[in-house]
PDB file of N, CA and C in Angstrom:
ATOM      1  N   MET A   1      85.615 -41.477 116.169  1.00  0.00           N
ATOM      2  CA  MET A   1      85.743 -40.206 115.460  1.00  0.00           C
ATOM      3  C   MET A   1      87.214 -39.959 115.153  1.00  0.00           C
ATOM      4  N   GLU A   2      87.468 -39.530 113.976  1.00  0.00           N
ATOM      5  CA  GLU A   2      88.821 -39.149 113.583  1.00  0.00           C
ATOM      6  C   GLU A   2      88.879 -37.627 113.506  1.00  0.00           C
ATOM      7  N   TYR A   3      89.861 -37.060 114.153  1.00  0.00           N
ATOM      8  CA  TYR A   3      90.032 -35.611 114.136  1.00  0.00           C
ATOM      9  C   TYR A   3      91.221 -35.253 113.263  1.00  0.00           C
ATOM     10  N   ASP A   4      91.091 -34.126 112.564  1.00  0.00           N
ATOM     11  CA  ASP A   4      92.195 -33.612 111.772  1.00  0.00           C
ATOM     12  C   ASP A   4      92.161 -32.093 111.854  1.00  0.00           C
ATOM     13  N   TRP A   5      93.093 -31.447 111.165  1.00  0.00           N
ATOM     14  CA  TRP A   5      93.201 -29.989 111.262  1.00  0.00           C
ATOM     15  C   TRP A   5      92.031 -29.271 110.606  1.00  0.00           C
ATOM     16  N   ASP A   6      91.243 -29.964 109.821  1.00  0.00           N
ATOM     17  CA  ASP A   6      90.071 -29.339 109.206  1.00  0.00           C
ATOM     18  C   ASP A   6      88.859 -29.359 110.126  1.00  0.00           C
ATOM     19  N   TYR A   7      88.916 -30.144 111.204  1.00  0.00           N
ATOM     20  CA  TYR A   7      87.784 -30.253 112.117  1.00  0.00           C
ATOM     21  C   TYR A   7      87.649 -28.967 112.915  1.00  0.00           C
ATOM     22  N   ASN A   8      86.405 -28.525 113.077  1.00  0.00           N
ATOM     23  CA  ASN A   8      86.149 -27.267 113.777  1.00  0.00           C
ATOM     24  C   ASN A   8      85.210 -27.501 114.957  1.00  0.00           C
ATOM     25  N   ILE A   9      85.658 -27.161 116.143  1.00  0.00           N
ATOM     26  CA  ILE A   9      84.806 -27.186 117.331  1.00  0.00           C
ATOM     27  C   ILE A   9      84.015 -25.877 117.321  1.00  0.00           C
ATOM     28  N   SER A  10      82.723 -25.970 117.083  1.00  0.00           N
ATOM     29  CA  SER A  10      81.929 -24.736 116.999  1.00  0.00           C
ATOM     30  C   SER A  10      80.755 -24.712 117.972  1.00  0.00           C
ATOM     31  N   THR A  11      80.459 -25.854 118.602  1.00  0.00           N
ATOM     32  CA  THR A  11      79.336 -25.909 119.533  1.00  0.00           C
ATOM     33  C   THR A  11      79.756 -26.674 120.794  1.00  0.00           C
ATOM     34  N   VAL A  12      78.968 -26.531 121.844  1.00  0.00           N
ATOM     35  CA  VAL A  12      79.211 -27.296 123.069  1.00  0.00           C
ATOM     36  C   VAL A  12      79.056 -28.787 122.773  1.00  0.00           C
ATOM     37  N   LYS A  13      78.159 -29.134 121.872  1.00  0.00           N
ATOM     38  CA  LYS A  13      77.989 -30.538 121.490  1.00  0.00           C
ATOM     39  C   LYS A  13      79.287 -31.083 120.887  1.00  0.00           C
ATOM     40  N   ASP A  14      79.951 -30.293 120.043  1.00  0.00           N
ATOM     41  CA  ASP A  14      81.243 -30.700 119.484  1.00  0.00           C
ATOM     42  C   ASP A  14      82.267 -30.904 120.599  1.00  0.00           C
ATOM     43  N   ALA A  15      82.297 -29.986 121.559  1.00  0.00           N
ATOM     44  CA  ALA A  15      83.231 -30.084 122.689  1.00  0.00           C
ATOM     45  C   ALA A  15      82.926 -31.320 123.523  1.00  0.00           C
ATOM     46  N   ASP A  16      81.645 -31.596 123.722  1.00  0.00           N
ATOM     47  CA  ASP A  16      81.253 -32.773 124.485  1.00  0.00           C
ATOM     48  C   ASP A  16      81.686 -34.052 123.767  1.00  0.00           C
ATOM     49  N   GLU A  17      81.578 -34.081 122.472  1.00  0.00           N
ATOM     50  CA  GLU A  17      82.008 -35.259 121.703  1.00  0.00           C
ATOM     51  C   GLU A  17      83.521 -35.440 121.822  1.00  0.00           C
ATOM     52  N   PHE A  18      84.271 -34.353 121.815  1.00  0.00           N
ATOM     53  CA  PHE A  18      85.720 -34.456 121.985  1.00  0.00           C
ATOM     54  C   PHE A  18      86.050 -34.936 123.400  1.00  0.00           C
ATOM     55  N   ALA A  19      85.303 -34.468 124.398  1.00  0.00           N
ATOM     56  CA  ALA A  19      85.495 -34.924 125.776  1.00  0.00           C
ATOM     57  C   ALA A  19      85.259 -36.432 125.858  1.00  0.00           C
ATOM     58  N   ARG A  20      84.200 -36.897 125.210  1.00  0.00           N
ATOM     59  CA  ARG A  20      83.908 -38.328 125.184  1.00  0.00           C
ATOM     60  C   ARG A  20      85.056 -39.088 124.519  1.00  0.00           C
ATOM     61  N   PHE A  21      85.544 -38.577 123.411  1.00  0.00           N
ATOM     62  CA  PHE A  21      86.653 -39.175 122.678  1.00  0.00           C
ATOM     63  C   PHE A  21      87.891 -39.321 123.573  1.00  0.00           C
ATOM     64  N   LEU A  22      88.214 -38.265 124.320  1.00  0.00           N
ATOM     65  CA  LEU A  22      89.385 -38.313 125.193  1.00  0.00           C
ATOM     66  C   LEU A  22      89.235 -39.375 126.277  1.00  0.00           C
ATOM     67  N   VAL A  23      88.072 -39.400 126.902  1.00  0.00           N
ATOM     68  CA  VAL A  23      87.850 -40.281 128.047  1.00  0.00           C
ATOM     69  C   VAL A  23      87.588 -41.718 127.629  1.00  0.00           C
ATOM     70  N   GLU A  24      86.700 -41.911 126.677  1.00  0.00           N
ATOM     71  CA  GLU A  24      86.252 -43.264 126.341  1.00  0.00           C
ATOM     72  C   GLU A  24      87.081 -43.954 125.268  1.00  0.00           C
ATOM     73  N   GLU A  25      87.567 -43.200 124.298  1.00  0.00           N
ATOM     74  CA  GLU A  25      88.329 -43.832 123.221  1.00  0.00           C
ATOM     75  C   GLU A  25      89.834 -43.804 123.482  1.00  0.00           C
ATOM     76  N   LEU A  26      90.351 -42.610 123.831  1.00  0.00           N
ATOM     77  CA  LEU A  26      91.784 -42.520 124.081  1.00  0.00           C
ATOM     78  C   LEU A  26      92.150 -42.991 125.483  1.00  0.00           C
ATOM     79  N   LYS A  27      91.178 -42.959 126.376  1.00  0.00           N
ATOM     80  CA  LYS A  27      91.363 -43.404 127.758  1.00  0.00           C
ATOM     81  C   LYS A  27      92.488 -42.657 128.469  1.00  0.00           C
ATOM     82  N   VAL A  28      92.534 -41.341 128.263  1.00  0.00           N
ATOM     83  CA  VAL A  28      93.524 -40.521 128.955  1.00  0.00           C
ATOM     84  C   VAL A  28      92.888 -39.857 130.167  1.00  0.00           C
ATOM     85  N   GLU A  29      93.702 -39.632 131.160  1.00  0.00           N
ATOM     86  CA  GLU A  29      93.271 -38.852 132.317  1.00  0.00           C
ATOM     87  C   GLU A  29      93.602 -37.409 131.989  1.00  0.00           C
ATOM     88  N   TYR A  30      92.642 -36.753 131.378  1.00  0.00           N
ATOM     89  CA  TYR A  30      92.862 -35.418 130.826  1.00  0.00           C
ATOM     90  C   TYR A  30      93.100 -34.393 131.923  1.00  0.00           C
ATOM     91  N   ASN A  31      94.127 -33.589 131.726  1.00  0.00           N
ATOM     92  CA  ASN A  31      94.422 -32.455 132.584  1.00  0.00           C
ATOM     93  C   ASN A  31      94.678 -31.273 131.660  1.00  0.00           C
ATOM     94  N   PRO A  32      93.910 -30.199 131.797  1.00  0.00           N
ATOM     95  CA  PRO A  32      94.049 -29.089 130.854  1.00  0.00           C
ATOM     96  C   PRO A  32      95.416 -28.411 130.884  1.00  0.00           C
ATOM     97  N   GLY A  33      96.168 -28.610 131.943  1.00  0.00           N
ATOM     98  CA  GLY A  33      97.492 -28.010 132.018  1.00  0.00           C
ATOM     99  C   GLY A  33      98.582 -28.845 131.369  1.00  0.00           C
ATOM    100  N   ASP A  34      98.243 -30.055 130.939  1.00  0.00           N
ATOM    101  CA  ASP A  34      99.230 -30.953 130.348  1.00  0.00           C
ATOM    102  C   ASP A  34      99.186 -30.894 128.827  1.00  0.00           C
ATOM    103  N   ASP A  35     100.356 -30.765 128.245  1.00  0.00           N
ATOM    104  CA  ASP A  35     100.503 -30.842 126.797  1.00  0.00           C
ATOM    105  C   ASP A  35     100.358 -32.307 126.394  1.00  0.00           C
ATOM    106  N   PHE A  36      99.652 -32.573 125.320  1.00  0.00           N
ATOM    107  CA  PHE A  36      99.451 -33.955 124.884  1.00  0.00           C
ATOM    108  C   PHE A  36     100.763 -34.656 124.543  1.00  0.00           C
ATOM    109  N   SER A  37     101.806 -33.897 124.261  1.00  0.00           N
ATOM    110  CA  SER A  37     103.102 -34.526 123.973  1.00  0.00           C
ATOM    111  C   SER A  37     103.713 -35.129 125.231  1.00  0.00           C
ATOM    112  N   LYS A  38     103.178 -34.791 126.396  1.00  0.00           N
ATOM    113  CA  LYS A  38     103.700 -35.302 127.670  1.00  0.00           C
ATOM    114  C   LYS A  38     102.973 -36.554 128.156  1.00  0.00           C
ATOM    115  N   TYR A  39     101.882 -36.929 127.500  1.00  0.00           N
ATOM    116  CA  TYR A  39     101.142 -38.133 127.901  1.00  0.00           C
ATOM    117  C   TYR A  39     101.954 -39.366 127.506  1.00  0.00           C
ATOM    118  N   THR A  40     102.093 -40.302 128.469  1.00  0.00           N
ATOM    119  CA  THR A  40     102.863 -41.509 128.209  1.00  0.00           C
ATOM    120  C   THR A  40     102.082 -42.737 128.641  1.00  0.00           C
ATOM    121  N   ASP A  41     102.522 -43.886 128.128  1.00  0.00           N
ATOM    122  CA  ASP A  41     101.911 -45.155 128.545  1.00  0.00           C
ATOM    123  C   ASP A  41     102.636 -45.663 129.792  1.00  0.00           C
ATOM    124  N   ALA A  42     102.292 -46.847 130.233  1.00  0.00           N
ATOM    125  CA  ALA A  42     102.864 -47.420 131.451  1.00  0.00           C
ATOM    126  C   ALA A  42     104.377 -47.605 131.355  1.00  0.00           C
ATOM    127  N   ASP A  43     104.886 -47.746 130.143  1.00  0.00           N
ATOM    128  CA  ASP A  43     106.329 -47.927 129.947  1.00  0.00           C
ATOM    129  C   ASP A  43     107.073 -46.603 129.781  1.00  0.00           C
ATOM    130  N   GLY A  44     106.332 -45.501 129.798  1.00  0.00           N
ATOM    131  CA  GLY A  44     106.953 -44.187 129.629  1.00  0.00           C
ATOM    132  C   GLY A  44     107.091 -43.746 128.188  1.00  0.00           C
ATOM    133  N   ASP A  45     106.524 -44.518 127.267  1.00  0.00           N
ATOM    134  CA  ASP A  45     106.574 -44.156 125.850  1.00  0.00           C
ATOM    135  C   ASP A  45     105.456 -43.166 125.534  1.00  0.00           C
ATOM    136  N   PRO A  46     105.718 -42.209 124.638  1.00  0.00           N
ATOM    137  CA  PRO A  46     104.684 -41.225 124.287  1.00  0.00           C
ATOM    138  C   PRO A  46     103.431 -41.890 123.725  1.00  0.00           C
ATOM    139  N   LEU A  47     102.269 -41.396 124.152  1.00  0.00           N
ATOM    140  CA  LEU A  47     101.006 -41.900 123.616  1.00  0.00           C
ATOM    141  C   LEU A  47     100.693 -41.302 122.249  1.00  0.00           C
ATOM    142  N   PHE A  48     101.215 -40.106 121.988  1.00  0.00           N
ATOM    143  CA  PHE A  48     100.865 -39.392 120.762  1.00  0.00           C
ATOM    144  C   PHE A  48     102.118 -38.921 120.051  1.00  0.00           C
ATOM    145  N   ASP A  49     102.067 -38.986 118.722  1.00  0.00           N
ATOM    146  CA  ASP A  49     103.164 -38.410 117.952  1.00  0.00           C
ATOM    147  C   ASP A  49     102.996 -36.888 117.950  1.00  0.00           C
ATOM    148  N   GLU A  50     103.948 -36.199 117.401  1.00  0.00           N
ATOM    149  CA  GLU A  50     103.941 -34.730 117.425  1.00  0.00           C
ATOM    150  C   GLU A  50     102.706 -34.159 116.725  1.00  0.00           C
ATOM    151  N   PHE A  51     102.317 -34.751 115.616  1.00  0.00           N
ATOM    152  CA  PHE A  51     101.146 -34.280 114.868  1.00  0.00           C
ATOM    153  C   PHE A  51      99.888 -34.362 115.728  1.00  0.00           C
ATOM    154  N   ASP A  52      99.625 -35.552 116.299  1.00  0.00           N
ATOM    155  CA  ASP A  52      98.417 -35.731 117.098  1.00  0.00           C
ATOM    156  C   ASP A  52      98.452 -34.888 118.366  1.00  0.00           C
ATOM    157  N   ALA A  53      99.611 -34.790 119.006  1.00  0.00           N
ATOM    158  CA  ALA A  53      99.715 -33.974 120.218  1.00  0.00           C
ATOM    159  C   ALA A  53      99.361 -32.520 119.916  1.00  0.00           C
ATOM    160  N   ASP A  54      99.920 -31.977 118.840  1.00  0.00           N
ATOM    161  CA  ASP A  54      99.610 -30.590 118.455  1.00  0.00           C
ATOM    162  C   ASP A  54      98.134 -30.433 118.117  1.00  0.00           C
ATOM    163  N   LEU A  55      97.593 -31.397 117.392  1.00  0.00           N
ATOM    164  CA  LEU A  55      96.185 -31.347 117.001  1.00  0.00           C
ATOM    165  C   LEU A  55      95.278 -31.369 118.229  1.00  0.00           C
ATOM    166  N   TYR A  56      95.509 -32.303 119.148  1.00  0.00           N
ATOM    167  CA  TYR A  56      94.654 -32.417 120.330  1.00  0.00           C
ATOM    168  C   TYR A  56      94.812 -31.211 121.250  1.00  0.00           C
ATOM    169  N   ASN A  57      96.007 -30.639 121.323  1.00  0.00           N
ATOM    170  CA  ASN A  57      96.189 -29.398 122.095  1.00  0.00           C
ATOM    171  C   ASN A  57      95.336 -28.279 121.501  1.00  0.00           C
ATOM    172  N   HIS A  58      95.359 -28.170 120.183  1.00  0.00           N
ATOM    173  CA  HIS A  58      94.591 -27.139 119.482  1.00  0.00           C
ATOM    174  C   HIS A  58      93.084 -27.336 119.684  1.00  0.00           C
ATOM    175  N   ILE A  59      92.622 -28.551 119.504  1.00  0.00           N
ATOM    176  CA  ILE A  59      91.190 -28.831 119.661  1.00  0.00           C
ATOM    177  C   ILE A  59      90.756 -28.577 121.105  1.00  0.00           C
ATOM    178  N   SER A  60      91.585 -28.958 122.071  1.00  0.00           N
ATOM    179  CA  SER A  60      91.253 -28.710 123.478  1.00  0.00           C
ATOM    180  C   SER A  60      91.053 -27.226 123.744  1.00  0.00           C
ATOM    181  N   MET A  61      91.946 -26.404 123.209  1.00  0.00           N
ATOM    182  CA  MET A  61      91.801 -24.952 123.395  1.00  0.00           C
ATOM    183  C   MET A  61      90.498 -24.458 122.760  1.00  0.00           C
ATOM    184  N   ASP A  62      90.165 -24.984 121.593  1.00  0.00           N
ATOM    185  CA  ASP A  62      88.902 -24.616 120.950  1.00  0.00           C
ATOM    186  C   ASP A  62      87.714 -25.019 121.823  1.00  0.00           C
ATOM    187  N   CYS A  63      87.801 -26.193 122.444  1.00  0.00           N
ATOM    188  CA  CYS A  63      86.719 -26.650 123.326  1.00  0.00           C
ATOM    189  C   CYS A  63      86.526 -25.684 124.490  1.00  0.00           C
ATOM    190  N   PHE A  64      87.627 -25.286 125.118  1.00  0.00           N
ATOM    191  CA  PHE A  64      87.526 -24.338 126.228  1.00  0.00           C
ATOM    192  C   PHE A  64      86.933 -23.019 125.755  1.00  0.00           C
ATOM    193  N   ASN A  65      87.354 -22.535 124.596  1.00  0.00           N
ATOM    194  CA  ASN A  65      86.851 -21.262 124.084  1.00  0.00           C
ATOM    195  C   ASN A  65      85.359 -21.316 123.789  1.00  0.00           C
ATOM    196  N   VAL A  66      84.914 -22.382 123.128  1.00  0.00           N
ATOM    197  CA  VAL A  66      83.495 -22.526 122.796  1.00  0.00           C
ATOM    198  C   VAL A  66      82.664 -22.646 124.074  1.00  0.00           C
ATOM    199  N   CYS A  67      83.135 -23.460 125.006  1.00  0.00           N
ATOM    200  CA  CYS A  67      82.402 -23.652 126.260  1.00  0.00           C
ATOM    201  C   CYS A  67      82.353 -22.357 127.078  1.00  0.00           C
ATOM    202  N   ASP A  68      83.471 -21.644 127.120  1.00  0.00           N
ATOM    203  CA  ASP A  68      83.507 -20.377 127.862  1.00  0.00           C
ATOM    204  C   ASP A  68      82.460 -19.398 127.350  1.00  0.00           C
ATOM    205  N   LYS A  69      82.278 -19.364 126.041  1.00  0.00           N
ATOM    206  CA  LYS A  69      81.283 -18.452 125.455  1.00  0.00           C
ATOM    207  C   LYS A  69      79.867 -18.809 125.895  1.00  0.00           C
ATOM    208  N   GLU A  70      79.651 -20.072 126.235  1.00  0.00           N
ATOM    209  CA  GLU A  70      78.332 -20.533 126.678  1.00  0.00           C
ATOM    210  C   GLU A  70      78.263 -20.657 128.205  1.00  0.00           C
ATOM    211  N   ASP A  71      79.302 -20.148 128.875  1.00  0.00           N
ATOM    212  CA  ASP A  71      79.393 -20.181 130.337  1.00  0.00           C
ATOM    213  C   ASP A  71      79.342 -21.616 130.882  1.00  0.00           C
ATOM    214  N   ILE A  72      80.060 -22.501 130.192  1.00  0.00           N
ATOM    215  CA  ILE A  72      80.156 -23.914 130.577  1.00  0.00           C
ATOM    216  C   ILE A  72      81.636 -24.230 130.778  1.00  0.00           C
ATOM    217  N   ASP A  73      81.918 -25.019 131.787  1.00  0.00           N
ATOM    218  CA  ASP A  73      83.287 -25.449 132.042  1.00  0.00           C
ATOM    219  C   ASP A  73      83.539 -26.743 131.263  1.00  0.00           C
ATOM    220  N   PHE A  74      84.488 -26.709 130.347  1.00  0.00           N
ATOM    221  CA  PHE A  74      84.808 -27.901 129.555  1.00  0.00           C
ATOM    222  C   PHE A  74      85.157 -29.086 130.450  1.00  0.00           C
ATOM    223  N   MET A  75      85.790 -28.819 131.578  1.00  0.00           N
ATOM    224  CA  MET A  75      86.151 -29.909 132.485  1.00  0.00           C
ATOM    225  C   MET A  75      84.917 -30.611 133.044  1.00  0.00           C
ATOM    226  N   ASP A  76      83.800 -29.911 133.157  1.00  0.00           N
ATOM    227  CA  ASP A  76      82.564 -30.568 133.596  1.00  0.00           C
ATOM    228  C   ASP A  76      82.128 -31.631 132.592  1.00  0.00           C
ATOM    229  N   LEU A  77      82.369 -31.373 131.315  1.00  0.00           N
ATOM    230  CA  LEU A  77      82.056 -32.362 130.281  1.00  0.00           C
ATOM    231  C   LEU A  77      82.969 -33.576 130.429  1.00  0.00           C
ATOM    232  N   ILE A  78      84.246 -33.319 130.685  1.00  0.00           N
ATOM    233  CA  ILE A  78      85.207 -34.410 130.900  1.00  0.00           C
ATOM    234  C   ILE A  78      84.763 -35.253 132.094  1.00  0.00           C
ATOM    235  N   TYR A  79      84.449 -34.576 133.213  1.00  0.00           N
ATOM    236  CA  TYR A  79      84.067 -35.293 134.444  1.00  0.00           C
ATOM    237  C   TYR A  79      82.807 -36.134 134.220  1.00  0.00           C
ATOM    238  N   ALA A  80      81.853 -35.619 133.471  1.00  0.00           N
ATOM    239  CA  ALA A  80      80.613 -36.367 133.213  1.00  0.00           C
ATOM    240  C   ALA A  80      80.906 -37.668 132.472  1.00  0.00           C
ATOM    241  N   HIS A  81      81.844 -37.620 131.550  1.00  0.00           N
ATOM    242  CA  HIS A  81      82.192 -38.844 130.819  1.00  0.00           C
ATOM    243  C   HIS A  81      82.995 -39.804 131.695  1.00  0.00           C
ATOM    244  N   GLU A  82      83.851 -39.261 132.550  1.00  0.00           N
ATOM    245  CA  GLU A  82      84.602 -40.132 133.463  1.00  0.00           C
ATOM    246  C   GLU A  82      83.652 -40.842 134.420  1.00  0.00           C
ATOM    247  N   GLU A  83      82.644 -40.137 134.889  1.00  0.00           N
ATOM    248  CA  GLU A  83      81.681 -40.733 135.830  1.00  0.00           C
ATOM    249  C   GLU A  83      80.835 -41.804 135.175  1.00  0.00           C
ATOM    250  N   SER A  84      80.653 -41.715 133.860  1.00  0.00           N
ATOM    251  CA  SER A  84      79.804 -42.687 133.170  1.00  0.00           C
ATOM    252  C   SER A  84      80.516 -44.005 132.894  1.00  0.00           C
ATOM    253  N   LEU A  85      81.809 -44.053 133.139  1.00  0.00           N
ATOM    254  CA  LEU A  85      82.574 -45.301 132.894  1.00  0.00           C
ATOM    255  C   LEU A  85      82.300 -46.337 133.947  1.00  0.00           C
TER     256      LEU A  85
END
């Protein structure tokens, strides 16, 4: 899945797909308190450029907001995908 600024997280299913994307495709150890601009590879180089970091930060906040409205913890979606690996 390719995400851009036009993409809208509007359902828990959308949030779950983004959780899958983070865990299975990007292979990041997601922490909601971390800005995506701080994620680095083993050599300490940034994993994301400024555009992608800002985009993923924005989408993550949308995921939390959508999930909160449905009384679901977005991190539970992340954990479910981590456990499936």
